[in-house]
Amino acid sequence: MITTRYAVKGMTCDHCVSAVSSEVGRIDGVTGVDVDLATGAVTVTSDTAVAETAVREAVDEAGYEVVGS
């Protein structure tokens, strides 16, 4: 199991958490997404390595921005 943490900018409410979780959760291989609204941290768990670009694109699709990993 692989766990990667990303810093996401712009999340302010539970809807934000839901949107990011949903989009990132659709990436092939992702088995879990944990979003910490207070810190802006998104932790992605997967069976195999997931490309950072895929996570960035999913977060962007949800309307937010990855600012670090």
PDB file of N, CA and C in Angstrom:
ATOM      1  N   MET A   1       0.836  -1.167   0.000  1.00  0.00           N
ATOM      2  CA  MET A   1       0.000   0.000   0.000  1.00  0.00           C
ATOM      3  C   MET A   1       0.896   1.250   0.000  1.00  0.00           C
ATOM      4  N   ILE A   2       0.544   2.210  -0.818  1.00  0.00           N
ATOM      5  CA  ILE A   2       1.303   3.453  -0.942  1.00  0.00           C
ATOM      6  C   ILE A   2       0.443   4.606  -0.444  1.00  0.00           C
ATOM      7  N   THR A   3       1.035   5.467   0.380  1.00  0.00           N
ATOM      8  CA  THR A   3       0.328   6.642   0.898  1.00  0.00           C
ATOM      9  C   THR A   3       1.113   7.887   0.517  1.00  0.00           C
ATOM     10  N   THR A   4       0.430   8.851  -0.098  1.00  0.00           N
ATOM     11  CA  THR A   4       1.050  10.103  -0.503  1.00  0.00           C
ATOM     12  C   THR A   4       0.202  11.256   0.004  1.00  0.00           C
ATOM     13  N   ARG A   5       0.869  12.288   0.489  1.00  0.00           N
ATOM     14  CA  ARG A   5       0.156  13.446   1.034  1.00  0.00           C
ATOM     15  C   ARG A   5       0.386  14.666   0.151  1.00  0.00           C
ATOM     16  N   TYR A   6      -0.680  15.411  -0.073  1.00  0.00           N
ATOM     17  CA  TYR A   6      -0.630  16.624  -0.884  1.00  0.00           C
ATOM     18  C   TYR A   6      -1.200  17.793  -0.103  1.00  0.00           C
ATOM     19  N   ALA A   7      -0.678  18.986  -0.353  1.00  0.00           N
ATOM     20  CA  ALA A   7      -1.233  20.209   0.225  1.00  0.00           C
ATOM     21  C   ALA A   7      -2.132  20.836  -0.839  1.00  0.00           C
ATOM     22  N   VAL A   8      -3.378  21.115  -0.460  1.00  0.00           N
ATOM     23  CA  VAL A   8      -4.354  21.655  -1.404  1.00  0.00           C
ATOM     24  C   VAL A   8      -4.835  23.008  -0.905  1.00  0.00           C
ATOM     25  N   LYS A   9      -4.886  23.976  -1.813  1.00  0.00           N
ATOM     26  CA  LYS A   9      -5.300  25.337  -1.482  1.00  0.00           C
ATOM     27  C   LYS A   9      -6.730  25.588  -1.939  1.00  0.00           C
ATOM     28  N   GLY A  10      -7.489  26.300  -1.098  1.00  0.00           N
ATOM     29  CA  GLY A  10      -8.812  26.751  -1.499  1.00  0.00           C
ATOM     30  C   GLY A  10      -9.989  26.044  -0.854  1.00  0.00           C
ATOM     31  N   MET A  11      -9.750  24.975  -0.119  1.00  0.00           N
ATOM     32  CA  MET A  11     -10.854  24.245   0.508  1.00  0.00           C
ATOM     33  C   MET A  11     -11.304  24.981   1.774  1.00  0.00           C
ATOM     34  N   THR A  12     -12.630  25.204   1.895  1.00  0.00           N
ATOM     35  CA  THR A  12     -13.127  25.963   3.037  1.00  0.00           C
ATOM     36  C   THR A  12     -14.323  25.327   3.756  1.00  0.00           C
ATOM     37  N   CYS A  13     -14.877  24.233   3.193  1.00  0.00           N
ATOM     38  CA  CYS A  13     -16.093  23.672   3.785  1.00  0.00           C
ATOM     39  C   CYS A  13     -16.209  22.176   3.495  1.00  0.00           C
ATOM     40  N   ASP A  14     -17.257  21.571   4.039  1.00  0.00           N
ATOM     41  CA  ASP A  14     -17.474  20.141   3.833  1.00  0.00           C
ATOM     42  C   ASP A  14     -17.733  19.799   2.364  1.00  0.00           C
ATOM     43  N   HIS A  15     -18.350  20.720   1.624  1.00  0.00           N
ATOM     44  CA  HIS A  15     -18.566  20.487   0.193  1.00  0.00           C
ATOM     45  C   HIS A  15     -17.218  20.368  -0.522  1.00  0.00           C
ATOM     46  N   CYS A  16     -16.263  21.187  -0.128  1.00  0.00           N
ATOM     47  CA  CYS A  16     -14.921  21.129  -0.714  1.00  0.00           C
ATOM     48  C   CYS A  16     -14.299  19.752  -0.479  1.00  0.00           C
ATOM     49  N   VAL A  17     -14.423  19.279   0.750  1.00  0.00           N
ATOM     50  CA  VAL A  17     -13.890  17.968   1.117  1.00  0.00           C
ATOM     51  C   VAL A  17     -14.524  16.887   0.256  1.00  0.00           C
ATOM     52  N   SER A  18     -15.826  16.950   0.113  1.00  0.00           N
ATOM     53  CA  SER A  18     -16.554  15.963  -0.683  1.00  0.00           C
ATOM     54  C   SER A  18     -16.138  15.999  -2.147  1.00  0.00           C
ATOM     55  N   ALA A  19     -16.004  17.194  -2.702  1.00  0.00           N
ATOM     56  CA  ALA A  19     -15.636  17.336  -4.113  1.00  0.00           C
ATOM     57  C   ALA A  19     -14.246  16.775  -4.383  1.00  0.00           C
ATOM     58  N   VAL A  20     -13.286  17.108  -3.529  1.00  0.00           N
ATOM     59  CA  VAL A  20     -11.918  16.615  -3.710  1.00  0.00           C
ATOM     60  C   VAL A  20     -11.874  15.102  -3.515  1.00  0.00           C
ATOM     61  N   SER A  21     -12.524  14.605  -2.477  1.00  0.00           N
ATOM     62  CA  SER A  21     -12.543  13.162  -2.216  1.00  0.00           C
ATOM     63  C   SER A  21     -13.124  12.398  -3.397  1.00  0.00           C
ATOM     64  N   SER A  22     -14.199  12.908  -3.948  1.00  0.00           N
ATOM     65  CA  SER A  22     -14.871  12.252  -5.062  1.00  0.00           C
ATOM     66  C   SER A  22     -13.996  12.206  -6.303  1.00  0.00           C
ATOM     67  N   GLU A  23     -13.419  13.336  -6.675  1.00  0.00           N
ATOM     68  CA  GLU A  23     -12.597  13.397  -7.888  1.00  0.00           C
ATOM     69  C   GLU A  23     -11.330  12.554  -7.759  1.00  0.00           C
ATOM     70  N   VAL A  24     -10.631  12.682  -6.651  1.00  0.00           N
ATOM     71  CA  VAL A  24      -9.388  11.918  -6.462  1.00  0.00           C
ATOM     72  C   VAL A  24      -9.710  10.429  -6.345  1.00  0.00           C
ATOM     73  N   GLY A  25     -10.818  10.103  -5.718  1.00  0.00           N
ATOM     74  CA  GLY A  25     -11.217   8.709  -5.560  1.00  0.00           C
ATOM     75  C   GLY A  25     -11.507   7.993  -6.868  1.00  0.00           C
ATOM     76  N   ARG A  26     -11.733   8.743  -7.928  1.00  0.00           N
ATOM     77  CA  ARG A  26     -12.005   8.154  -9.244  1.00  0.00           C
ATOM     78  C   ARG A  26     -10.747   7.718  -9.997  1.00  0.00           C
ATOM     79  N   ILE A  27      -9.591   8.109  -9.502  1.00  0.00           N
ATOM     80  CA  ILE A  27      -8.336   7.757 -10.168  1.00  0.00           C
ATOM     81  C   ILE A  27      -8.098   6.250 -10.025  1.00  0.00           C
ATOM     82  N   ASP A  28      -7.750   5.602 -11.132  1.00  0.00           N
ATOM     83  CA  ASP A  28      -7.462   4.165 -11.099  1.00  0.00           C
ATOM     84  C   ASP A  28      -6.367   3.862 -10.086  1.00  0.00           C
ATOM     85  N   GLY A  29      -6.627   2.873  -9.248  1.00  0.00           N
ATOM     86  CA  GLY A  29      -5.645   2.435  -8.263  1.00  0.00           C
ATOM     87  C   GLY A  29      -5.821   3.054  -6.891  1.00  0.00           C
ATOM     88  N   VAL A  30      -6.554   4.174  -6.800  1.00  0.00           N
ATOM     89  CA  VAL A  30      -6.757   4.826  -5.505  1.00  0.00           C
ATOM     90  C   VAL A  30      -7.742   4.006  -4.678  1.00  0.00           C
ATOM     91  N   THR A  31      -7.335   3.693  -3.447  1.00  0.00           N
ATOM     92  CA  THR A  31      -8.181   2.901  -2.554  1.00  0.00           C
ATOM     93  C   THR A  31      -8.745   3.727  -1.407  1.00  0.00           C
ATOM     94  N   GLY A  32      -8.188   4.921  -1.195  1.00  0.00           N
ATOM     95  CA  GLY A  32      -8.684   5.764  -0.121  1.00  0.00           C
ATOM     96  C   GLY A  32      -8.229   7.197  -0.266  1.00  0.00           C
ATOM     97  N   VAL A  33      -9.075   8.126   0.183  1.00  0.00           N
ATOM     98  CA  VAL A  33      -8.753   9.549   0.163  1.00  0.00           C
ATOM     99  C   VAL A  33      -9.183  10.124   1.503  1.00  0.00           C
ATOM    100  N   ASP A  34      -8.248  10.762   2.197  1.00  0.00           N
ATOM    101  CA  ASP A  34      -8.558  11.408   3.467  1.00  0.00           C
ATOM    102  C   ASP A  34      -8.233  12.891   3.331  1.00  0.00           C
ATOM    103  N   VAL A  35      -9.229  13.743   3.535  1.00  0.00           N
ATOM    104  CA  VAL A  35      -9.049  15.183   3.399  1.00  0.00           C
ATOM    105  C   VAL A  35      -9.158  15.825   4.774  1.00  0.00           C
ATOM    106  N   ASP A  36      -8.125  16.564   5.167  1.00  0.00           N
ATOM    107  CA  ASP A  36      -8.133  17.298   6.433  1.00  0.00           C
ATOM    108  C   ASP A  36      -8.372  18.765   6.102  1.00  0.00           C
ATOM    109  N   LEU A  37      -9.595  19.216   6.310  1.00  0.00           N
ATOM    110  CA  LEU A  37      -9.990  20.576   5.955  1.00  0.00           C
ATOM    111  C   LEU A  37      -9.161  21.619   6.708  1.00  0.00           C
ATOM    112  N   ALA A  38      -8.883  21.377   7.971  1.00  0.00           N
ATOM    113  CA  ALA A  38      -8.168  22.350   8.798  1.00  0.00           C
ATOM    114  C   ALA A  38      -6.757  22.634   8.289  1.00  0.00           C
ATOM    115  N   THR A  39      -6.081  21.608   7.780  1.00  0.00           N
ATOM    116  CA  THR A  39      -4.701  21.791   7.329  1.00  0.00           C
ATOM    117  C   THR A  39      -4.572  21.859   5.811  1.00  0.00           C
ATOM    118  N   GLY A  40      -5.617  21.477   5.097  1.00  0.00           N
ATOM    119  CA  GLY A  40      -5.556  21.451   3.642  1.00  0.00           C
ATOM    120  C   GLY A  40      -4.824  20.235   3.107  1.00  0.00           C
ATOM    121  N   ALA A  41      -4.595  19.251   3.967  1.00  0.00           N
ATOM    122  CA  ALA A  41      -3.871  18.049   3.559  1.00  0.00           C
ATOM    123  C   ALA A  41      -4.820  17.021   2.951  1.00  0.00           C
ATOM    124  N   VAL A  42      -4.388  16.447   1.846  1.00  0.00           N
ATOM    125  CA  VAL A  42      -5.124  15.364   1.203  1.00  0.00           C
ATOM    126  C   VAL A  42      -4.185  14.158   1.159  1.00  0.00           C
ATOM    127  N   THR A  43      -4.581  13.091   1.816  1.00  0.00           N
ATOM    128  CA  THR A  43      -3.782  11.878   1.841  1.00  0.00           C
ATOM    129  C   THR A  43      -4.430  10.847   0.935  1.00  0.00           C
ATOM    130  N   VAL A  44      -3.643  10.378  -0.025  1.00  0.00           N
ATOM    131  CA  VAL A  44      -4.131   9.426  -1.024  1.00  0.00           C
ATOM    132  C   VAL A  44      -3.474   8.075  -0.768  1.00  0.00           C
ATOM    133  N   THR A  45      -4.299   7.045  -0.648  1.00  0.00           N
ATOM    134  CA  THR A  45      -3.812   5.686  -0.460  1.00  0.00           C
ATOM    135  C   THR A  45      -4.125   4.901  -1.727  1.00  0.00           C
ATOM    136  N   SER A  46      -3.136   4.100  -2.175  1.00  0.00           N
ATOM    137  CA  SER A  46      -3.330   3.345  -3.410  1.00  0.00           C
ATOM    138  C   SER A  46      -2.584   2.025  -3.349  1.00  0.00           C
ATOM    139  N   ASP A  47      -3.013   1.109  -4.210  1.00  0.00           N
ATOM    140  CA  ASP A  47      -2.346  -0.194  -4.299  1.00  0.00           C
ATOM    141  C   ASP A  47      -1.041  -0.090  -5.069  1.00  0.00           C
ATOM    142  N   THR A  48      -1.029   0.780  -6.072  1.00  0.00           N
ATOM    143  CA  THR A  48       0.160   0.997  -6.897  1.00  0.00           C
ATOM    144  C   THR A  48       0.422   2.497  -6.962  1.00  0.00           C
ATOM    145  N   ALA A  49       1.570   2.872  -7.453  1.00  0.00           N
ATOM    146  CA  ALA A  49       1.925   4.288  -7.558  1.00  0.00           C
ATOM    147  C   ALA A  49       0.923   5.017  -8.450  1.00  0.00           C
ATOM    148  N   VAL A  50       0.499   6.192  -7.990  1.00  0.00           N
ATOM    149  CA  VAL A  50      -0.424   7.031  -8.741  1.00  0.00           C
ATOM    150  C   VAL A  50       0.357   8.270  -9.171  1.00  0.00           C
ATOM    151  N   ALA A  51       0.270   8.617 -10.430  1.00  0.00           N
ATOM    152  CA  ALA A  51       0.992   9.778 -10.948  1.00  0.00           C
ATOM    153  C   ALA A  51       0.515  11.054 -10.270  1.00  0.00           C
ATOM    154  N   GLU A  52       1.454  11.885  -9.846  1.00  0.00           N
ATOM    155  CA  GLU A  52       1.108  13.154  -9.206  1.00  0.00           C
ATOM    156  C   GLU A  52       0.284  14.017 -10.151  1.00  0.00           C
ATOM    157  N   THR A  53       0.561  13.933 -11.440  1.00  0.00           N
ATOM    158  CA  THR A  53      -0.213  14.730 -12.396  1.00  0.00           C
ATOM    159  C   THR A  53      -1.685  14.335 -12.390  1.00  0.00           C
ATOM    160  N   ALA A  54      -1.970  13.063 -12.191  1.00  0.00           N
ATOM    161  CA  ALA A  54      -3.365  12.606 -12.130  1.00  0.00           C
ATOM    162  C   ALA A  54      -4.067  13.196 -10.916  1.00  0.00           C
ATOM    163  N   VAL A  55      -3.363  13.246  -9.790  1.00  0.00           N
ATOM    164  CA  VAL A  55      -3.948  13.828  -8.575  1.00  0.00           C
ATOM    165  C   VAL A  55      -4.146  15.322  -8.775  1.00  0.00           C
ATOM    166  N   ARG A  56      -3.154  15.995  -9.335  1.00  0.00           N
ATOM    167  CA  ARG A  56      -3.273  17.440  -9.579  1.00  0.00           C
ATOM    168  C   ARG A  56      -4.463  17.741 -10.491  1.00  0.00           C
ATOM    169  N   GLU A  57      -4.631  16.948 -11.538  1.00  0.00           N
ATOM    170  CA  GLU A  57      -5.741  17.153 -12.467  1.00  0.00           C
ATOM    171  C   GLU A  57      -7.088  16.906 -11.791  1.00  0.00           C
ATOM    172  N   ALA A  58      -7.169  15.896 -10.946  1.00  0.00           N
ATOM    173  CA  ALA A  58      -8.418  15.597 -10.242  1.00  0.00           C
ATOM    174  C   ALA A  58      -8.772  16.719  -9.266  1.00  0.00           C
ATOM    175  N   VAL A  59      -7.786  17.212  -8.538  1.00  0.00           N
ATOM    176  CA  VAL A  59      -8.016  18.317  -7.600  1.00  0.00           C
ATOM    177  C   VAL A  59      -8.429  19.567  -8.365  1.00  0.00           C
ATOM    178  N   ASP A  60      -7.786  19.810  -9.496  1.00  0.00           N
ATOM    179  CA  ASP A  60      -8.142  20.953 -10.348  1.00  0.00           C
ATOM    180  C   ASP A  60      -9.569  20.823 -10.852  1.00  0.00           C
ATOM    181  N   GLU A  61      -9.960  19.624 -11.237  1.00  0.00           N
ATOM    182  CA  GLU A  61     -11.317  19.361 -11.716  1.00  0.00           C
ATOM    183  C   GLU A  61     -12.347  19.673 -10.630  1.00  0.00           C
ATOM    184  N   ALA A  62     -11.957  19.437  -9.383  1.00  0.00           N
ATOM    185  CA  ALA A  62     -12.847  19.721  -8.255  1.00  0.00           C
ATOM    186  C   ALA A  62     -12.900  21.223  -7.939  1.00  0.00           C
ATOM    187  N   GLY A  63     -11.971  21.985  -8.523  1.00  0.00           N
ATOM    188  CA  GLY A  63     -11.976  23.438  -8.335  1.00  0.00           C
ATOM    189  C   GLY A  63     -10.941  23.969  -7.367  1.00  0.00           C
ATOM    190  N   TYR A  64      -9.921  23.159  -7.072  1.00  0.00           N
ATOM    191  CA  TYR A  64      -8.912  23.544  -6.089  1.00  0.00           C
ATOM    192  C   TYR A  64      -7.528  23.345  -6.701  1.00  0.00           C
ATOM    193  N   GLU A  65      -6.483  23.627  -5.916  1.00  0.00           N
ATOM    194  CA  GLU A  65      -5.128  23.572  -6.451  1.00  0.00           C
ATOM    195  C   GLU A  65      -4.174  22.857  -5.504  1.00  0.00           C
ATOM    196  N   VAL A  66      -3.418  21.908  -6.049  1.00  0.00           N
ATOM    197  CA  VAL A  66      -2.357  21.263  -5.280  1.00  0.00           C
ATOM    198  C   VAL A  66      -1.186  22.236  -5.238  1.00  0.00           C
ATOM    199  N   VAL A  67      -0.722  22.565  -4.033  1.00  0.00           N
ATOM    200  CA  VAL A  67       0.380  23.513  -3.891  1.00  0.00           C
ATOM    201  C   VAL A  67       1.637  22.859  -3.359  1.00  0.00           C
ATOM    202  N   GLY A  68       1.578  21.580  -3.084  1.00  0.00           N
ATOM    203  CA  GLY A  68       2.759  20.866  -2.600  1.00  0.00           C
ATOM    204  C   GLY A  68       2.433  19.415  -2.342  1.00  0.00           C
ATOM    205  N   SER A  69       3.508  18.631  -2.177  1.00  0.00           N
ATOM    206  CA  SER A  69       3.296  17.215  -1.856  1.00  0.00           C
ATOM    207  C   SER A  69       4.287  16.797  -0.812  1.00  0.00           C
TER     208      SER A  69
END
